Amino acid sequence: MLERLNQEIKRRTHMVRILPGAESCPRPVRALATTTHEIWLAAVRYLAMEHPREHKKEALRALAA
């Protein structure tokens, strides 16, 4: 996923070609990172971490008893 994000940043900054100044470069990168972050938050999780956490808690309870 991170490689895909880096490719997209490269593609978008290359598309702009000439940026007005060094301080204008982070704007499109930040916008892309924010959008990607929001998409990742709303995306379907393939590995649900709730089940392993509950399993670990149950194993610790069994050891304590």
PDB file of N, CA and C in Angstrom:
ATOM      1  N   MET A   1       0.818  -1.194   0.000  1.00  0.00           N
ATOM      2  CA  MET A   1       0.000   0.000   0.000  1.00  0.00           C
ATOM      3  C   MET A   1       0.865   1.263   0.000  1.00  0.00           C
ATOM      4  N   LEU A   2       1.945   1.188   0.739  1.00  0.00           N
ATOM      5  CA  LEU A   2       2.825   2.357   0.818  1.00  0.00           C
ATOM      6  C   LEU A   2       3.514   2.622  -0.519  1.00  0.00           C
ATOM      7  N   GLU A   3       3.880   1.552  -1.213  1.00  0.00           N
ATOM      8  CA  GLU A   3       4.502   1.726  -2.520  1.00  0.00           C
ATOM      9  C   GLU A   3       3.523   2.366  -3.498  1.00  0.00           C
ATOM     10  N   ARG A   4       2.266   1.968  -3.415  1.00  0.00           N
ATOM     11  CA  ARG A   4       1.241   2.547  -4.283  1.00  0.00           C
ATOM     12  C   ARG A   4       1.080   4.040  -3.985  1.00  0.00           C
ATOM     13  N   LEU A   5       1.112   4.406  -2.714  1.00  0.00           N
ATOM     14  CA  LEU A   5       1.018   5.813  -2.335  1.00  0.00           C
ATOM     15  C   LEU A   5       2.210   6.598  -2.893  1.00  0.00           C
ATOM     16  N   ASN A   6       3.407   6.025  -2.775  1.00  0.00           N
ATOM     17  CA  ASN A   6       4.596   6.701  -3.309  1.00  0.00           C
ATOM     18  C   ASN A   6       4.518   6.871  -4.825  1.00  0.00           C
ATOM     19  N   GLN A   7       4.014   5.858  -5.517  1.00  0.00           N
ATOM     20  CA  GLN A   7       3.851   5.967  -6.972  1.00  0.00           C
ATOM     21  C   GLN A   7       2.860   7.067  -7.329  1.00  0.00           C
ATOM     22  N   GLU A   8       1.781   7.143  -6.571  1.00  0.00           N
ATOM     23  CA  GLU A   8       0.762   8.158  -6.846  1.00  0.00           C
ATOM     24  C   GLU A   8       1.312   9.557  -6.580  1.00  0.00           C
ATOM     25  N   ILE A   9       2.103   9.726  -5.532  1.00  0.00           N
ATOM     26  CA  ILE A   9       2.722  11.024  -5.244  1.00  0.00           C
ATOM     27  C   ILE A   9       3.660  11.408  -6.381  1.00  0.00           C
ATOM     28  N   LYS A  10       4.455  10.463  -6.837  1.00  0.00           N
ATOM     29  CA  LYS A  10       5.383  10.735  -7.938  1.00  0.00           C
ATOM     30  C   LYS A  10       4.618  11.126  -9.198  1.00  0.00           C
ATOM     31  N   ARG A  11       3.548  10.395  -9.483  1.00  0.00           N
ATOM     32  CA  ARG A  11       2.761  10.683 -10.683  1.00  0.00           C
ATOM     33  C   ARG A  11       2.141  12.069 -10.623  1.00  0.00           C
ATOM     34  N   ARG A  12       1.585  12.413  -9.471  1.00  0.00           N
ATOM     35  CA  ARG A  12       0.910  13.714  -9.353  1.00  0.00           C
ATOM     36  C   ARG A  12       1.883  14.881  -9.345  1.00  0.00           C
ATOM     37  N   THR A  13       3.035  14.720  -8.721  1.00  0.00           N
ATOM     38  CA  THR A  13       4.003  15.823  -8.725  1.00  0.00           C
ATOM     39  C   THR A  13       4.653  15.957 -10.092  1.00  0.00           C
ATOM     40  N   HIS A  14       4.805  14.867 -10.804  1.00  0.00           N
ATOM     41  CA  HIS A  14       5.353  14.920 -12.164  1.00  0.00           C
ATOM     42  C   HIS A  14       4.355  15.577 -13.121  1.00  0.00           C
ATOM     43  N   MET A  15       3.079  15.360 -12.852  1.00  0.00           N
ATOM     44  CA  MET A  15       2.032  15.921 -13.697  1.00  0.00           C
ATOM     45  C   MET A  15       2.023  17.454 -13.604  1.00  0.00           C
ATOM     46  N   VAL A  16       2.309  17.989 -12.429  1.00  0.00           N
ATOM     47  CA  VAL A  16       2.323  19.436 -12.230  1.00  0.00           C
ATOM     48  C   VAL A  16       3.497  20.060 -12.984  1.00  0.00           C
ATOM     49  N   ARG A  17       4.571  19.320 -13.105  1.00  0.00           N
ATOM     50  CA  ARG A  17       5.812  19.703 -13.786  1.00  0.00           C
ATOM     51  C   ARG A  17       6.525  20.857 -13.100  1.00  0.00           C
ATOM     52  N   ILE A  18       6.064  22.054 -13.255  1.00  0.00           N
ATOM     53  CA  ILE A  18       6.764  23.191 -12.683  1.00  0.00           C
ATOM     54  C   ILE A  18       5.930  23.752 -11.540  1.00  0.00           C
ATOM     55  N   LEU A  19       6.475  23.659 -10.345  1.00  0.00           N
ATOM     56  CA  LEU A  19       5.797  24.205  -9.172  1.00  0.00           C
ATOM     57  C   LEU A  19       6.295  25.624  -8.949  1.00  0.00           C
ATOM     58  N   PRO A  20       5.439  26.522  -8.482  1.00  0.00           N
ATOM     59  CA  PRO A  20       5.851  27.917  -8.313  1.00  0.00           C
ATOM     60  C   PRO A  20       6.997  28.108  -7.318  1.00  0.00           C
ATOM     61  N   GLY A  21       7.094  27.242  -6.332  1.00  0.00           N
ATOM     62  CA  GLY A  21       8.155  27.376  -5.353  1.00  0.00           C
ATOM     63  C   GLY A  21       8.263  26.114  -4.516  1.00  0.00           C
ATOM     64  N   ALA A  22       9.279  26.059  -3.677  1.00  0.00           N
ATOM     65  CA  ALA A  22       9.500  24.875  -2.850  1.00  0.00           C
ATOM     66  C   ALA A  22       8.374  24.678  -1.828  1.00  0.00           C
ATOM     67  N   GLU A  23       7.781  25.784  -1.377  1.00  0.00           N
ATOM     68  CA  GLU A  23       6.719  25.667  -0.371  1.00  0.00           C
ATOM     69  C   GLU A  23       5.394  25.196  -0.960  1.00  0.00           C
ATOM     70  N   SER A  24       5.255  25.201  -2.276  1.00  0.00           N
ATOM     71  CA  SER A  24       4.004  24.744  -2.887  1.00  0.00           C
ATOM     72  C   SER A  24       3.997  23.238  -3.143  1.00  0.00           C
ATOM     73  N   CYS A  25       5.121  22.589  -3.061  1.00  0.00           N
ATOM     74  CA  CYS A  25       5.196  21.148  -3.313  1.00  0.00           C
ATOM     75  C   CYS A  25       4.444  20.314  -2.275  1.00  0.00           C
ATOM     76  N   PRO A  26       4.531  20.618  -0.987  1.00  0.00           N
ATOM     77  CA  PRO A  26       3.826  19.781  -0.007  1.00  0.00           C
ATOM     78  C   PRO A  26       2.299  19.824  -0.115  1.00  0.00           C
ATOM     79  N   ARG A  27       1.736  20.849  -0.714  1.00  0.00           N
ATOM     80  CA  ARG A  27       0.272  20.945  -0.796  1.00  0.00           C
ATOM     81  C   ARG A  27      -0.374  19.768  -1.509  1.00  0.00           C
ATOM     82  N   PRO A  28       0.024  19.452  -2.747  1.00  0.00           N
ATOM     83  CA  PRO A  28      -0.618  18.303  -3.404  1.00  0.00           C
ATOM     84  C   PRO A  28      -0.288  16.975  -2.723  1.00  0.00           C
ATOM     85  N   VAL A  29       0.911  16.874  -2.159  1.00  0.00           N
ATOM     86  CA  VAL A  29       1.288  15.642  -1.463  1.00  0.00           C
ATOM     87  C   VAL A  29       0.440  15.470  -0.208  1.00  0.00           C
ATOM     88  N   ARG A  30       0.255  16.553   0.551  1.00  0.00           N
ATOM     89  CA  ARG A  30      -0.580  16.499   1.748  1.00  0.00           C
ATOM     90  C   ARG A  30      -2.026  16.166   1.409  1.00  0.00           C
ATOM     91  N   ALA A  31      -2.533  16.759   0.332  1.00  0.00           N
ATOM     92  CA  ALA A  31      -3.912  16.488  -0.085  1.00  0.00           C
ATOM     93  C   ALA A  31      -4.084  15.020  -0.461  1.00  0.00           C
ATOM     94  N   LEU A  32      -3.130  14.471  -1.175  1.00  0.00           N
ATOM     95  CA  LEU A  32      -3.199  13.060  -1.555  1.00  0.00           C
ATOM     96  C   LEU A  32      -3.092  12.159  -0.325  1.00  0.00           C
ATOM     97  N   ALA A  33      -2.192  12.490   0.588  1.00  0.00           N
ATOM     98  CA  ALA A  33      -2.033  11.685   1.799  1.00  0.00           C
ATOM     99  C   ALA A  33      -3.297  11.721   2.651  1.00  0.00           C
ATOM    100  N   THR A  34      -3.924  12.871   2.758  1.00  0.00           N
ATOM    101  CA  THR A  34      -5.162  12.992   3.529  1.00  0.00           C
ATOM    102  C   THR A  34      -6.275  12.169   2.901  1.00  0.00           C
ATOM    103  N   THR A  35      -6.411  12.261   1.594  1.00  0.00           N
ATOM    104  CA  THR A  35      -7.436  11.491   0.892  1.00  0.00           C
ATOM    105  C   THR A  35      -7.198  10.002   1.043  1.00  0.00           C
ATOM    106  N   THR A  36      -5.951   9.577   0.888  1.00  0.00           N
ATOM    107  CA  THR A  36      -5.613   8.165   1.022  1.00  0.00           C
ATOM    108  C   THR A  36      -5.885   7.676   2.431  1.00  0.00           C
ATOM    109  N   HIS A  37      -5.553   8.477   3.429  1.00  0.00           N
ATOM    110  CA  HIS A  37      -5.798   8.111   4.818  1.00  0.00           C
ATOM    111  C   HIS A  37      -7.294   7.912   5.079  1.00  0.00           C
ATOM    112  N   GLU A  38      -8.117   8.822   4.566  1.00  0.00           N
ATOM    113  CA  GLU A  38      -9.558   8.696   4.750  1.00  0.00           C
ATOM    114  C   GLU A  38     -10.099   7.446   4.062  1.00  0.00           C
ATOM    115  N   ILE A  39      -9.561   7.122   2.893  1.00  0.00           N
ATOM    116  CA  ILE A  39      -9.993   5.916   2.190  1.00  0.00           C
ATOM    117  C   ILE A  39      -9.588   4.673   2.981  1.00  0.00           C
ATOM    118  N   TRP A  40      -8.374   4.668   3.532  1.00  0.00           N
ATOM    119  CA  TRP A  40      -7.912   3.522   4.309  1.00  0.00           C
ATOM    120  C   TRP A  40      -8.741   3.343   5.578  1.00  0.00           C
ATOM    121  N   LEU A  41      -9.175   4.444   6.200  1.00  0.00           N
ATOM    122  CA  LEU A  41      -9.994   4.331   7.398  1.00  0.00           C
ATOM    123  C   LEU A  41     -11.351   3.708   7.101  1.00  0.00           C
ATOM    124  N   ALA A  42     -11.911   4.034   5.952  1.00  0.00           N
ATOM    125  CA  ALA A  42     -13.231   3.536   5.593  1.00  0.00           C
ATOM    126  C   ALA A  42     -13.189   2.188   4.881  1.00  0.00           C
ATOM    127  N   ALA A  43     -12.008   1.724   4.524  1.00  0.00           N
ATOM    128  CA  ALA A  43     -11.877   0.499   3.728  1.00  0.00           C
ATOM    129  C   ALA A  43     -12.210  -0.736   4.562  1.00  0.00           C
ATOM    130  N   VAL A  44     -12.495  -1.799   3.851  1.00  0.00           N
ATOM    131  CA  VAL A  44     -12.767  -3.085   4.487  1.00  0.00           C
ATOM    132  C   VAL A  44     -11.463  -3.639   5.033  1.00  0.00           C
ATOM    133  N   ARG A  45     -11.505  -4.097   6.255  1.00  0.00           N
ATOM    134  CA  ARG A  45     -10.321  -4.674   6.868  1.00  0.00           C
ATOM    135  C   ARG A  45     -10.285  -6.168   6.557  1.00  0.00           C
ATOM    136  N   TYR A  46      -9.186  -6.611   6.000  1.00  0.00           N
ATOM    137  CA  TYR A  46      -9.058  -8.020   5.680  1.00  0.00           C
ATOM    138  C   TYR A  46      -8.632  -8.828   6.896  1.00  0.00           C
ATOM    139  N   LEU A  47      -7.920  -8.195   7.808  1.00  0.00           N
ATOM    140  CA  LEU A  47      -7.522  -8.856   9.043  1.00  0.00           C
ATOM    141  C   LEU A  47      -8.139  -8.110  10.215  1.00  0.00           C
ATOM    142  N   ALA A  48      -9.177  -8.671  10.784  1.00  0.00           N
ATOM    143  CA  ALA A  48      -9.800  -8.054  11.949  1.00  0.00           C
ATOM    144  C   ALA A  48      -8.967  -8.412  13.179  1.00  0.00           C
ATOM    145  N   MET A  49      -8.511  -7.417  13.893  1.00  0.00           N
ATOM    146  CA  MET A  49      -7.634  -7.655  15.031  1.00  0.00           C
ATOM    147  C   MET A  49      -8.394  -7.876  16.335  1.00  0.00           C
ATOM    148  N   GLU A  50      -9.711  -7.728  16.323  1.00  0.00           N
ATOM    149  CA  GLU A  50     -10.476  -7.927  17.552  1.00  0.00           C
ATOM    150  C   GLU A  50     -10.424  -9.386  18.000  1.00  0.00           C
ATOM    151  N   HIS A  51     -10.534 -10.306  17.050  1.00  0.00           N
ATOM    152  CA  HIS A  51     -10.538 -11.729  17.395  1.00  0.00           C
ATOM    153  C   HIS A  51      -9.223 -12.167  18.049  1.00  0.00           C
ATOM    154  N   PRO A  52      -8.047 -11.854  17.500  1.00  0.00           N
ATOM    155  CA  PRO A  52      -6.802 -12.254  18.174  1.00  0.00           C
ATOM    156  C   PRO A  52      -6.646 -11.628  19.558  1.00  0.00           C
ATOM    157  N   ARG A  53      -7.112 -10.409  19.738  1.00  0.00           N
ATOM    158  CA  ARG A  53      -7.020  -9.776  21.062  1.00  0.00           C
ATOM    159  C   ARG A  53      -7.877 -10.518  22.076  1.00  0.00           C
ATOM    160  N   GLU A  54      -9.104 -10.868  21.677  1.00  0.00           N
ATOM    161  CA  GLU A  54      -9.990 -11.604  22.579  1.00  0.00           C
ATOM    162  C   GLU A  54      -9.409 -12.976  22.884  1.00  0.00           C
ATOM    163  N   HIS A  55      -8.833 -13.617  21.885  1.00  0.00           N
ATOM    164  CA  HIS A  55      -8.231 -14.929  22.084  1.00  0.00           C
ATOM    165  C   HIS A  55      -7.080 -14.841  23.081  1.00  0.00           C
ATOM    166  N   LYS A  56      -6.278 -13.804  22.983  1.00  0.00           N
ATOM    167  CA  LYS A  56      -5.153 -13.613  23.900  1.00  0.00           C
ATOM    168  C   LYS A  56      -5.656 -13.369  25.326  1.00  0.00           C
ATOM    169  N   LYS A  57      -6.709 -12.558  25.458  1.00  0.00           N
ATOM    170  CA  LYS A  57      -7.282 -12.309  26.783  1.00  0.00           C
ATOM    171  C   LYS A  57      -7.794 -13.589  27.406  1.00  0.00           C
ATOM    172  N   GLU A  58      -8.472 -14.418  26.619  1.00  0.00           N
ATOM    173  CA  GLU A  58      -9.004 -15.678  27.130  1.00  0.00           C
ATOM    174  C   GLU A  58      -7.868 -16.610  27.542  1.00  0.00           C
ATOM    175  N   ALA A  59      -6.783 -16.631  26.765  1.00  0.00           N
ATOM    176  CA  ALA A  59      -5.644 -17.480  27.110  1.00  0.00           C
ATOM    177  C   ALA A  59      -4.998 -17.019  28.407  1.00  0.00           C
ATOM    178  N   LEU A  60      -4.885 -15.714  28.603  1.00  0.00           N
ATOM    179  CA  LEU A  60      -4.317 -15.189  29.848  1.00  0.00           C
ATOM    180  C   LEU A  60      -5.216 -15.489  31.045  1.00  0.00           C
ATOM    181  N   ARG A  61      -6.519 -15.410  30.851  1.00  0.00           N
ATOM    182  CA  ARG A  61      -7.466 -15.747  31.926  1.00  0.00           C
ATOM    183  C   ARG A  61      -7.338 -17.228  32.297  1.00  0.00           C
ATOM    184  N   ALA A  62      -7.188 -18.080  31.293  1.00  0.00           N
ATOM    185  CA  ALA A  62      -7.056 -19.510  31.547  1.00  0.00           C
ATOM    186  C   ALA A  62      -5.772 -19.802  32.310  1.00  0.00           C
ATOM    187  N   LEU A  63      -4.700 -19.113  31.999  1.00  0.00           N
ATOM    188  CA  LEU A  63      -3.446 -19.309  32.721  1.00  0.00           C
ATOM    189  C   LEU A  63      -3.537 -18.824  34.163  1.00  0.00           C
ATOM    190  N   ALA A  64      -4.264 -17.740  34.368  1.00  0.00           N
ATOM    191  CA  ALA A  64      -4.403 -17.181  35.717  1.00  0.00           C
ATOM    192  C   ALA A  64      -5.274 -18.069  36.598  1.00  0.00           C
ATOM    193  N   ALA A  65      -6.208 -18.774  35.996  1.00  0.00           N
ATOM    194  CA  ALA A  65      -7.142 -19.626  36.780  1.00  0.00           C
ATOM    195  C   ALA A  65      -6.567 -20.955  37.104  1.00  0.00           C
TER     196      ALA A  65
END
